[in-house]
Amino acid sequence: MPGLTLSPVNEGVVAVHLSSGEPVGHLKRIGGIWKFKAMGYEGGSLVPGGGPLTHQHNQCFTTLDPVHISASLLSK
């Protein structure tokens, strides 16, 4: 299964994309923990907490390990 791509936006935000390039959310550093914030689009409008990984919204990670994050977000 192809993994996710993580792209730094700034020191506290990392964009998360499917292997197809579709954006599916961001990881935000909150209190030293990386929290996944799902997003999607409906009719051209951004839907916070939506999209294909909506069921993983607010999942937390201690490190930015792309392999671990991909496995965790894509497993459910």
PDB file of N, CA and C in Angstrom:
ATOM      1  N   MET A   1       0.849  -1.179   0.000  1.00  0.00           N
ATOM      2  CA  MET A   1       0.000   0.000   0.000  1.00  0.00           C
ATOM      3  C   MET A   1       0.895   1.243   0.000  1.00  0.00           C
ATOM      4  N   PRO A   2       0.686   2.159  -0.931  1.00  0.00           N
ATOM      5  CA  PRO A   2       1.484   3.380  -0.962  1.00  0.00           C
ATOM      6  C   PRO A   2       1.239   4.197   0.303  1.00  0.00           C
ATOM      7  N   GLY A   3       2.290   4.889   0.733  1.00  0.00           N
ATOM      8  CA  GLY A   3       2.178   5.684   1.946  1.00  0.00           C
ATOM      9  C   GLY A   3       1.742   7.104   1.673  1.00  0.00           C
ATOM     10  N   LEU A   4       1.738   7.873   2.730  1.00  0.00           N
ATOM     11  CA  LEU A   4       1.405   9.281   2.661  1.00  0.00           C
ATOM     12  C   LEU A   4       2.684  10.092   2.483  1.00  0.00           C
ATOM     13  N   THR A   5       2.540  11.281   1.946  1.00  0.00           N
ATOM     14  CA  THR A   5       3.657  12.207   1.806  1.00  0.00           C
ATOM     15  C   THR A   5       3.483  13.311   2.835  1.00  0.00           C
ATOM     16  N   LEU A   6       4.547  13.591   3.590  1.00  0.00           N
ATOM     17  CA  LEU A   6       4.537  14.664   4.574  1.00  0.00           C
ATOM     18  C   LEU A   6       5.416  15.790   4.062  1.00  0.00           C
ATOM     19  N   SER A   7       4.870  17.008   4.027  1.00  0.00           N
ATOM     20  CA  SER A   7       5.599  18.169   3.516  1.00  0.00           C
ATOM     21  C   SER A   7       5.523  19.298   4.534  1.00  0.00           C
ATOM     22  N   PRO A   8       6.678  19.722   5.086  1.00  0.00           N
ATOM     23  CA  PRO A   8       6.660  20.805   6.067  1.00  0.00           C
ATOM     24  C   PRO A   8       6.094  22.097   5.474  1.00  0.00           C
ATOM     25  N   VAL A   9       5.238  22.755   6.250  1.00  0.00           N
ATOM     26  CA  VAL A   9       4.683  24.054   5.882  1.00  0.00           C
ATOM     27  C   VAL A   9       5.419  25.133   6.685  1.00  0.00           C
ATOM     28  N   ASN A  10       5.552  24.897   7.974  1.00  0.00           N
ATOM     29  CA  ASN A  10       6.352  25.728   8.864  1.00  0.00           C
ATOM     30  C   ASN A  10       6.766  24.846  10.042  1.00  0.00           C
ATOM     31  N   GLU A  11       7.359  25.402  11.079  1.00  0.00           N
ATOM     32  CA  GLU A  11       7.884  24.540  12.147  1.00  0.00           C
ATOM     33  C   GLU A  11       6.806  23.838  12.966  1.00  0.00           C
ATOM     34  N   GLY A  12       5.556  24.268  12.866  1.00  0.00           N
ATOM     35  CA  GLY A  12       4.489  23.638  13.623  1.00  0.00           C
ATOM     36  C   GLY A  12       3.407  22.979  12.795  1.00  0.00           C
ATOM     37  N   VAL A  13       3.570  22.968  11.453  1.00  0.00           N
ATOM     38  CA  VAL A  13       2.542  22.398  10.575  1.00  0.00           C
ATOM     39  C   VAL A  13       3.201  21.602   9.452  1.00  0.00           C
ATOM     40  N   VAL A  14       2.665  20.414   9.201  1.00  0.00           N
ATOM     41  CA  VAL A  14       3.129  19.549   8.123  1.00  0.00           C
ATOM     42  C   VAL A  14       1.913  19.123   7.302  1.00  0.00           C
ATOM     43  N   ALA A  15       1.946  19.377   6.002  1.00  0.00           N
ATOM     44  CA  ALA A  15       0.857  18.969   5.112  1.00  0.00           C
ATOM     45  C   ALA A  15       0.935  17.458   4.866  1.00  0.00           C
ATOM     46  N   VAL A  16      -0.229  16.816   4.780  1.00  0.00           N
ATOM     47  CA  VAL A  16      -0.312  15.370   4.549  1.00  0.00           C
ATOM     48  C   VAL A  16      -1.077  15.148   3.245  1.00  0.00           C
ATOM     49  N   HIS A  17      -0.442  14.384   2.324  1.00  0.00           N
ATOM     50  CA  HIS A  17      -1.045  14.095   1.021  1.00  0.00           C
ATOM     51  C   HIS A  17      -1.043  12.591   0.768  1.00  0.00           C
ATOM     52  N   LEU A  18      -2.065  12.119   0.047  1.00  0.00           N
ATOM     53  CA  LEU A  18      -2.064  10.734  -0.427  1.00  0.00           C
ATOM     54  C   LEU A  18      -0.961  10.588  -1.471  1.00  0.00           C
ATOM     55  N   SER A  19      -0.599   9.368  -1.812  1.00  0.00           N
ATOM     56  CA  SER A  19       0.436   9.144  -2.831  1.00  0.00           C
ATOM     57  C   SER A  19       0.027   9.718  -4.177  1.00  0.00           C
ATOM     58  N   SER A  20      -1.287   9.921  -4.390  1.00  0.00           N
ATOM     59  CA  SER A  20      -1.794  10.512  -5.632  1.00  0.00           C
ATOM     60  C   SER A  20      -1.585  12.026  -5.665  1.00  0.00           C
ATOM     61  N   GLY A  21      -1.206  12.606  -4.525  1.00  0.00           N
ATOM     62  CA  GLY A  21      -1.015  14.049  -4.428  1.00  0.00           C
ATOM     63  C   GLY A  21      -2.189  14.775  -3.799  1.00  0.00           C
ATOM     64  N   GLU A  22      -3.300  14.064  -3.579  1.00  0.00           N
ATOM     65  CA  GLU A  22      -4.495  14.682  -2.991  1.00  0.00           C
ATOM     66  C   GLU A  22      -4.228  15.075  -1.534  1.00  0.00           C
ATOM     67  N   PRO A  23      -4.482  16.338  -1.162  1.00  0.00           N
ATOM     68  CA  PRO A  23      -4.304  16.737   0.239  1.00  0.00           C
ATOM     69  C   PRO A  23      -5.398  16.131   1.106  1.00  0.00           C
ATOM     70  N   VAL A  24      -4.997  15.581   2.259  1.00  0.00           N
ATOM     71  CA  VAL A  24      -5.979  14.953   3.149  1.00  0.00           C
ATOM     72  C   VAL A  24      -5.944  15.529   4.561  1.00  0.00           C
ATOM     73  N   GLY A  25      -5.027  16.455   4.819  1.00  0.00           N
ATOM     74  CA  GLY A  25      -4.983  17.071   6.139  1.00  0.00           C
ATOM     75  C   GLY A  25      -3.628  17.646   6.474  1.00  0.00           C
ATOM     76  N   HIS A  26      -3.488  17.979   7.749  1.00  0.00           N
ATOM     77  CA  HIS A  26      -2.250  18.539   8.272  1.00  0.00           C
ATOM     78  C   HIS A  26      -1.934  17.879   9.608  1.00  0.00           C
ATOM     79  N   LEU A  27      -0.663  17.845   9.919  1.00  0.00           N
ATOM     80  CA  LEU A  27      -0.236  17.505  11.268  1.00  0.00           C
ATOM     81  C   LEU A  27       0.147  18.830  11.911  1.00  0.00           C
ATOM     82  N   LYS A  28      -0.431  19.114  13.081  1.00  0.00           N
ATOM     83  CA  LYS A  28      -0.134  20.361  13.787  1.00  0.00           C
ATOM     84  C   LYS A  28       0.481  20.012  15.135  1.00  0.00           C
ATOM     85  N   ARG A  29       1.570  20.712  15.452  1.00  0.00           N
ATOM     86  CA  ARG A  29       2.203  20.477  16.749  1.00  0.00           C
ATOM     87  C   ARG A  29       1.437  21.284  17.792  1.00  0.00           C
ATOM     88  N   ILE A  30       0.872  20.556  18.737  1.00  0.00           N
ATOM     89  CA  ILE A  30       0.079  21.165  19.800  1.00  0.00           C
ATOM     90  C   ILE A  30       0.587  20.604  21.127  1.00  0.00           C
ATOM     91  N   GLY A  31       1.201  21.453  21.914  1.00  0.00           N
ATOM     92  CA  GLY A  31       1.722  21.010  23.207  1.00  0.00           C
ATOM     93  C   GLY A  31       2.765  19.918  23.104  1.00  0.00           C
ATOM     94  N   GLY A  32       3.598  19.952  22.060  1.00  0.00           N
ATOM     95  CA  GLY A  32       4.661  18.968  21.885  1.00  0.00           C
ATOM     96  C   GLY A  32       4.228  17.679  21.210  1.00  0.00           C
ATOM     97  N   ILE A  33       2.952  17.545  20.894  1.00  0.00           N
ATOM     98  CA  ILE A  33       2.414  16.355  20.219  1.00  0.00           C
ATOM     99  C   ILE A  33       1.946  16.764  18.831  1.00  0.00           C
ATOM    100  N   TRP A  34       2.139  15.876  17.841  1.00  0.00           N
ATOM    101  CA  TRP A  34       1.644  16.120  16.493  1.00  0.00           C
ATOM    102  C   TRP A  34       0.236  15.562  16.386  1.00  0.00           C
ATOM    103  N   LYS A  35      -0.732  16.416  16.074  1.00  0.00           N
ATOM    104  CA  LYS A  35      -2.136  16.012  15.986  1.00  0.00           C
ATOM    105  C   LYS A  35      -2.585  16.121  14.531  1.00  0.00           C
ATOM    106  N   PHE A  36      -3.183  15.032  14.021  1.00  0.00           N
ATOM    107  CA  PHE A  36      -3.667  15.009  12.646  1.00  0.00           C
ATOM    108  C   PHE A  36      -5.000  15.729  12.549  1.00  0.00           C
ATOM    109  N   LYS A  37      -5.077  16.671  11.627  1.00  0.00           N
ATOM    110  CA  LYS A  37      -6.298  17.417  11.357  1.00  0.00           C
ATOM    111  C   LYS A  37      -6.746  17.081   9.934  1.00  0.00           C
ATOM    112  N   ALA A  38      -7.754  16.225   9.829  1.00  0.00           N
ATOM    113  CA  ALA A  38      -8.266  15.797   8.516  1.00  0.00           C
ATOM    114  C   ALA A  38      -8.927  16.967   7.806  1.00  0.00           C
ATOM    115  N   MET A  39      -8.932  16.893   6.471  1.00  0.00           N
ATOM    116  CA  MET A  39      -9.640  17.882   5.671  1.00  0.00           C
ATOM    117  C   MET A  39     -10.065  17.240   4.358  1.00  0.00           C
ATOM    118  N   GLY A  40     -11.075  17.793   3.795  1.00  0.00           N
ATOM    119  CA  GLY A  40     -11.555  17.325   2.508  1.00  0.00           C
ATOM    120  C   GLY A  40     -12.203  18.474   1.774  1.00  0.00           C
ATOM    121  N   TYR A  41     -12.701  18.191   0.601  1.00  0.00           N
ATOM    122  CA  TYR A  41     -13.363  19.211  -0.208  1.00  0.00           C
ATOM    123  C   TYR A  41     -14.705  18.681  -0.658  1.00  0.00           C
ATOM    124  N   GLU A  42     -15.704  19.542  -0.592  1.00  0.00           N
ATOM    125  CA  GLU A  42     -17.048  19.202  -1.046  1.00  0.00           C
ATOM    126  C   GLU A  42     -17.547  20.366  -1.884  1.00  0.00           C
ATOM    127  N   GLY A  43     -17.794  20.115  -3.146  1.00  0.00           N
ATOM    128  CA  GLY A  43     -18.257  21.178  -4.030  1.00  0.00           C
ATOM    129  C   GLY A  43     -17.277  22.331  -4.122  1.00  0.00           C
ATOM    130  N   GLY A  44     -15.997  22.044  -4.003  1.00  0.00           N
ATOM    131  CA  GLY A  44     -14.966  23.074  -4.082  1.00  0.00           C
ATOM    132  C   GLY A  44     -14.695  23.798  -2.779  1.00  0.00           C
ATOM    133  N   SER A  45     -15.463  23.484  -1.731  1.00  0.00           N
ATOM    134  CA  SER A  45     -15.265  24.136  -0.437  1.00  0.00           C
ATOM    135  C   SER A  45     -14.512  23.215   0.522  1.00  0.00           C
ATOM    136  N   LEU A  46     -13.604  23.791   1.302  1.00  0.00           N
ATOM    137  CA  LEU A  46     -12.848  23.054   2.302  1.00  0.00           C
ATOM    138  C   LEU A  46     -13.776  22.600   3.422  1.00  0.00           C
ATOM    139  N   VAL A  47     -13.641  21.325   3.815  1.00  0.00           N
ATOM    140  CA  VAL A  47     -14.429  20.765   4.908  1.00  0.00           C
ATOM    141  C   VAL A  47     -13.459  20.313   6.002  1.00  0.00           C
ATOM    142  N   PRO A  48     -13.236  21.149   7.039  1.00  0.00           N
ATOM    143  CA  PRO A  48     -12.355  20.741   8.137  1.00  0.00           C
ATOM    144  C   PRO A  48     -12.898  19.483   8.812  1.00  0.00           C
ATOM    145  N   GLY A  49     -12.013  18.538   9.076  1.00  0.00           N
ATOM    146  CA  GLY A  49     -12.418  17.280   9.695  1.00  0.00           C
ATOM    147  C   GLY A  49     -13.020  16.294   8.723  1.00  0.00           C
ATOM    148  N   GLY A  50     -13.085  16.647   7.437  1.00  0.00           N
ATOM    149  CA  GLY A  50     -13.685  15.778   6.430  1.00  0.00           C
ATOM    150  C   GLY A  50     -12.659  15.057   5.592  1.00  0.00           C
ATOM    151  N   GLY A  51     -13.094  14.565   4.464  1.00  0.00           N
ATOM    152  CA  GLY A  51     -12.205  13.891   3.525  1.00  0.00           C
ATOM    153  C   GLY A  51     -12.056  12.406   3.790  1.00  0.00           C
ATOM    154  N   PRO A  52     -11.165  11.768   3.029  1.00  0.00           N
ATOM    155  CA  PRO A  52     -11.029  10.316   3.104  1.00  0.00           C
ATOM    156  C   PRO A  52     -10.446   9.799   4.425  1.00  0.00           C
ATOM    157  N   LEU A  53      -9.818  10.668   5.205  1.00  0.00           N
ATOM    158  CA  LEU A  53      -9.254  10.230   6.491  1.00  0.00           C
ATOM    159  C   LEU A  53      -9.978  10.857   7.674  1.00  0.00           C
ATOM    160  N   THR A  54     -11.253  11.209   7.466  1.00  0.00           N
ATOM    161  CA  THR A  54     -12.037  11.853   8.521  1.00  0.00           C
ATOM    162  C   THR A  54     -12.078  11.021   9.801  1.00  0.00           C
ATOM    163  N   HIS A  55     -12.106   9.704   9.678  1.00  0.00           N
ATOM    164  CA  HIS A  55     -12.150   8.813  10.843  1.00  0.00           C
ATOM    165  C   HIS A  55     -10.861   8.850  11.660  1.00  0.00           C
ATOM    166  N   GLN A  56      -9.811   9.469  11.130  1.00  0.00           N
ATOM    167  CA  GLN A  56      -8.535   9.573  11.836  1.00  0.00           C
ATOM    168  C   GLN A  56      -8.295  10.976  12.407  1.00  0.00           C
ATOM    169  N   HIS A  57      -9.277  11.870  12.237  1.00  0.00           N
ATOM    170  CA  HIS A  57      -9.160  13.244  12.718  1.00  0.00           C
ATOM    171  C   HIS A  57      -8.796  13.253  14.206  1.00  0.00           C
ATOM    172  N   ASN A  58      -7.817  14.059  14.557  1.00  0.00           N
ATOM    173  CA  ASN A  58      -7.314  14.246  15.926  1.00  0.00           C
ATOM    174  C   ASN A  58      -6.436  13.107  16.438  1.00  0.00           C
ATOM    175  N   GLN A  59      -6.029  12.169  15.583  1.00  0.00           N
ATOM    176  CA  GLN A  59      -5.091  11.136  16.020  1.00  0.00           C
ATOM    177  C   GLN A  59      -3.766  11.811  16.341  1.00  0.00           C
ATOM    178  N   CYS A  60      -3.083  11.354  17.394  1.00  0.00           N
ATOM    179  CA  CYS A  60      -1.852  11.996  17.860  1.00  0.00           C
ATOM    180  C   CYS A  60      -0.622  11.128  17.604  1.00  0.00           C
ATOM    181  N   PHE A  61       0.500  11.818  17.388  1.00  0.00           N
ATOM    182  CA  PHE A  61       1.792  11.170  17.149  1.00  0.00           C
ATOM    183  C   PHE A  61       2.864  11.912  17.935  1.00  0.00           C
ATOM    184  N   THR A  62       3.848  11.166  18.440  1.00  0.00           N
ATOM    185  CA  THR A  62       4.932  11.808  19.189  1.00  0.00           C
ATOM    186  C   THR A  62       6.078  12.243  18.284  1.00  0.00           C
ATOM    187  N   THR A  63       6.216  11.596  17.122  1.00  0.00           N
ATOM    188  CA  THR A  63       7.279  11.963  16.180  1.00  0.00           C
ATOM    189  C   THR A  63       6.716  12.017  14.759  1.00  0.00           C
ATOM    190  N   LEU A  64       7.457  12.672  13.895  1.00  0.00           N
ATOM    191  CA  LEU A  64       7.062  12.770  12.478  1.00  0.00           C
ATOM    192  C   LEU A  64       7.709  11.647  11.669  1.00  0.00           C
ATOM    193  N   ASP A  65       7.388  10.421  12.010  1.00  0.00           N
ATOM    194  CA  ASP A  65       7.895   9.254  11.299  1.00  0.00           C
ATOM    195  C   ASP A  65       6.908   8.914  10.184  1.00  0.00           C
ATOM    196  N   PRO A  66       7.256   9.210   8.903  1.00  0.00           N
ATOM    197  CA  PRO A  66       6.313   8.997   7.794  1.00  0.00           C
ATOM    198  C   PRO A  66       5.801   7.566   7.676  1.00  0.00           C
ATOM    199  N   VAL A  67       6.643   6.587   7.938  1.00  0.00           N
ATOM    200  CA  VAL A  67       6.223   5.178   7.840  1.00  0.00           C
ATOM    201  C   VAL A  67       5.173   4.858   8.902  1.00  0.00           C
ATOM    202  N   HIS A  68       5.434   5.266  10.124  1.00  0.00           N
ATOM    203  CA  HIS A  68       4.498   5.016  11.221  1.00  0.00           C
ATOM    204  C   HIS A  68       3.182   5.785  11.008  1.00  0.00           C
ATOM    205  N   ILE A  69       3.294   7.046  10.627  1.00  0.00           N
ATOM    206  CA  ILE A  69       2.105   7.867  10.414  1.00  0.00           C
ATOM    207  C   ILE A  69       1.254   7.299   9.283  1.00  0.00           C
ATOM    208  N   SER A  70       1.896   6.926   8.175  1.00  0.00           N
ATOM    209  CA  SER A  70       1.155   6.330   7.049  1.00  0.00           C
ATOM    210  C   SER A  70       0.441   5.061   7.470  1.00  0.00           C
ATOM    211  N   ALA A  71       1.162   4.176   8.151  1.00  0.00           N
ATOM    212  CA  ALA A  71       0.559   2.909   8.579  1.00  0.00           C
ATOM    213  C   ALA A  71      -0.620   3.143   9.509  1.00  0.00           C
ATOM    214  N   SER A  72      -0.469   4.084  10.422  1.00  0.00           N
ATOM    215  CA  SER A  72      -1.510   4.356  11.390  1.00  0.00           C
ATOM    216  C   SER A  72      -2.738   5.024  10.754  1.00  0.00           C
ATOM    217  N   LEU A  73      -2.532   6.039   9.940  1.00  0.00           N
ATOM    218  CA  LEU A  73      -3.654   6.758   9.335  1.00  0.00           C
ATOM    219  C   LEU A  73      -4.365   5.942   8.260  1.00  0.00           C
ATOM    220  N   LEU A  74      -3.637   5.097   7.554  1.00  0.00           N
ATOM    221  CA  LEU A  74      -4.235   4.342   6.445  1.00  0.00           C
ATOM    222  C   LEU A  74      -4.763   2.968   6.868  1.00  0.00           C
ATOM    223  N   SER A  75      -4.534   2.563   8.109  1.00  0.00           N
ATOM    224  CA  SER A  75      -4.909   1.209   8.537  1.00  0.00           C
ATOM    225  C   SER A  75      -6.372   1.047   8.897  1.00  0.00           C
ATOM    226  N   LYS A  76      -7.073   2.125   9.134  1.00  0.00           N
ATOM    227  CA  LYS A  76      -8.458   1.999   9.629  1.00  0.00           C
ATOM    228  C   LYS A  76      -9.447   2.435   8.612  1.00  0.00           C
TER     229      LYS A  76
END
